[in-house]
Each structure stands twice: as structure tokens, then as C-alpha cells.
Amino acid sequence: MQHARVIVLDDHALMCKTIERFCRYLKFSCTTFTEWSDDVLHALEDCIFILDLKLSDMDGIDVLHRIAETKYRPTIVFCSGMDEQ
């Protein structure tokens, strides 16, 4: 059985670390990023992508638009620690 690959994009390092530990407990491979880059984009093939809606340099919707311009189609899970605004 092939284990899932998880990519996390969240600007809070503690959140990345928490998700990474949970994934490793479930025997998933996990790579975390705290800011958007081409490295994130190239990691998205055949994975589960956990995406923070509010990043420090852009928002999750902008990230979705960038992904839509590529061949990558990850399974996307949104997360956010935003307070009500």
C-alpha cells in the first residue's frame, strides 16, 4: 500500500510542525513550507496539500489561482487560524 504524501503551506512554523508530527504518526510523508515559492509548486504532484487561507505574503486563493495555471491537481485541504474580521 502506498502511503500518502502531504505538503503543508502555512506561515506559522508551529502549525507546520504540529501537522507534520500528526502526518508522520499516520505514516504519511510530510513536507512543510512557511512561504510560497516555486519549490512548493513543484512538490504538488500527487499529494494532499494543506493550505493556510491567510499567509503573510499572499492568501490561499492566490495560491489556488497559481496552481490552476499548472498541470498539478493536488487534493486540497484548507486550514486557517484567522479570527473573525
Protein backbone atom coordinates (compact mmCIF):
# COMPACT_ATOMS: atom_id res chain seq x y z
CA MET A 1 0.00 0.00 0.00
CA GLN A 2 1.36 3.43 -0.96
CA HIS A 3 1.32 5.99 1.83
CA ALA A 4 0.01 9.49 1.22
CA ARG A 5 2.33 12.39 0.61
CA VAL A 6 1.35 15.59 2.40
CA ILE A 7 2.56 19.10 1.57
CA VAL A 8 1.81 21.87 4.08
CA LEU A 9 1.89 25.60 3.34
CA ASP A 10 1.35 27.66 6.49
CA ASP A 11 3.22 30.77 7.58
CA HIS A 12 3.23 29.64 11.21
CA ALA A 13 6.12 27.26 11.88
CA LEU A 14 4.40 25.77 14.94
CA MET A 15 1.34 24.82 12.87
CA CYS A 16 3.60 23.23 10.24
CA LYS A 17 5.41 21.24 12.93
CA THR A 18 2.13 20.09 14.51
CA ILE A 19 0.69 18.90 11.19
CA GLU A 20 3.98 17.25 10.28
CA ARG A 21 4.05 15.26 13.54
CA PHE A 22 0.46 14.14 13.03
CA CYS A 23 1.19 13.05 9.46
CA ARG A 24 4.28 11.12 10.49
CA TYR A 25 2.26 9.41 13.23
CA LEU A 26 -0.10 8.25 10.46
CA LYS A 27 2.91 7.07 8.42
CA PHE A 28 2.45 9.79 5.78
CA SER A 29 5.43 11.59 4.35
CA CYS A 30 5.19 15.30 5.01
CA THR A 31 6.99 18.36 3.69
CA THR A 32 6.28 21.80 5.12
CA PHE A 33 6.75 25.31 3.78
CA THR A 34 6.21 28.63 5.54
CA GLU A 35 6.02 30.75 2.39
CA TRP A 36 5.03 30.33 -1.24
CA SER A 37 7.78 29.51 -3.73
CA ASP A 38 8.34 27.50 -6.88
CA ASP A 39 9.57 24.70 -4.60
CA VAL A 40 6.04 24.41 -3.20
CA LEU A 41 4.57 24.33 -6.67
CA HIS A 42 6.88 21.56 -7.88
CA ALA A 43 6.12 19.46 -4.79
CA LEU A 44 2.38 19.36 -5.51
CA GLU A 45 2.24 16.41 -7.88
CA ASP A 46 0.15 13.54 -6.50
CA CYS A 47 -0.26 14.77 -2.93
CA ILE A 48 -2.57 16.10 -0.28
CA PHE A 49 -1.98 19.85 0.03
CA ILE A 50 -2.84 21.50 3.35
CA LEU A 51 -3.12 25.21 2.65
CA ASP A 52 -3.45 28.11 5.06
CA LEU A 53 -6.02 30.61 3.79
CA LYS A 54 -4.17 33.65 5.14
CA LEU A 55 -0.43 33.65 4.51
CA SER A 56 1.84 36.55 5.38
CA ASP A 57 2.79 37.27 1.75
CA MET A 58 -0.43 36.22 -0.08
CA ASP A 59 -3.68 34.41 0.57
CA GLY A 60 -4.73 30.86 -0.16
CA ILE A 61 -7.00 31.92 -3.01
CA ASP A 62 -3.99 33.45 -4.80
CA VAL A 63 -2.18 30.15 -4.33
CA LEU A 64 -5.14 28.30 -5.87
CA HIS A 65 -5.01 30.55 -8.93
CA ARG A 66 -1.32 29.81 -9.37
CA ILE A 67 -1.90 26.07 -9.06
CA ALA A 68 -4.75 26.24 -11.59
CA GLU A 69 -2.28 27.54 -14.18
CA THR A 70 -0.24 24.33 -13.88
CA LYS A 71 -0.70 20.63 -14.58
CA TYR A 72 -0.83 19.82 -10.84
CA ARG A 73 -4.14 18.80 -9.25
CA PRO A 74 -3.50 18.04 -5.58
CA THR A 75 -6.23 17.20 -3.12
CA ILE A 76 -6.54 20.46 -1.18
CA VAL A 77 -7.44 20.88 2.49
CA PHE A 78 -7.84 24.45 3.72
CA CYS A 79 -6.93 25.47 7.23
CA SER A 80 -6.91 28.80 8.92
CA GLY A 81 -6.35 30.28 12.32
CA MET A 82 -7.92 33.60 11.31
CA ASP A 83 -10.04 35.42 13.81
CA GLU A 84 -13.44 36.69 12.75
CA GLN A 85 -12.94 40.00 10.93
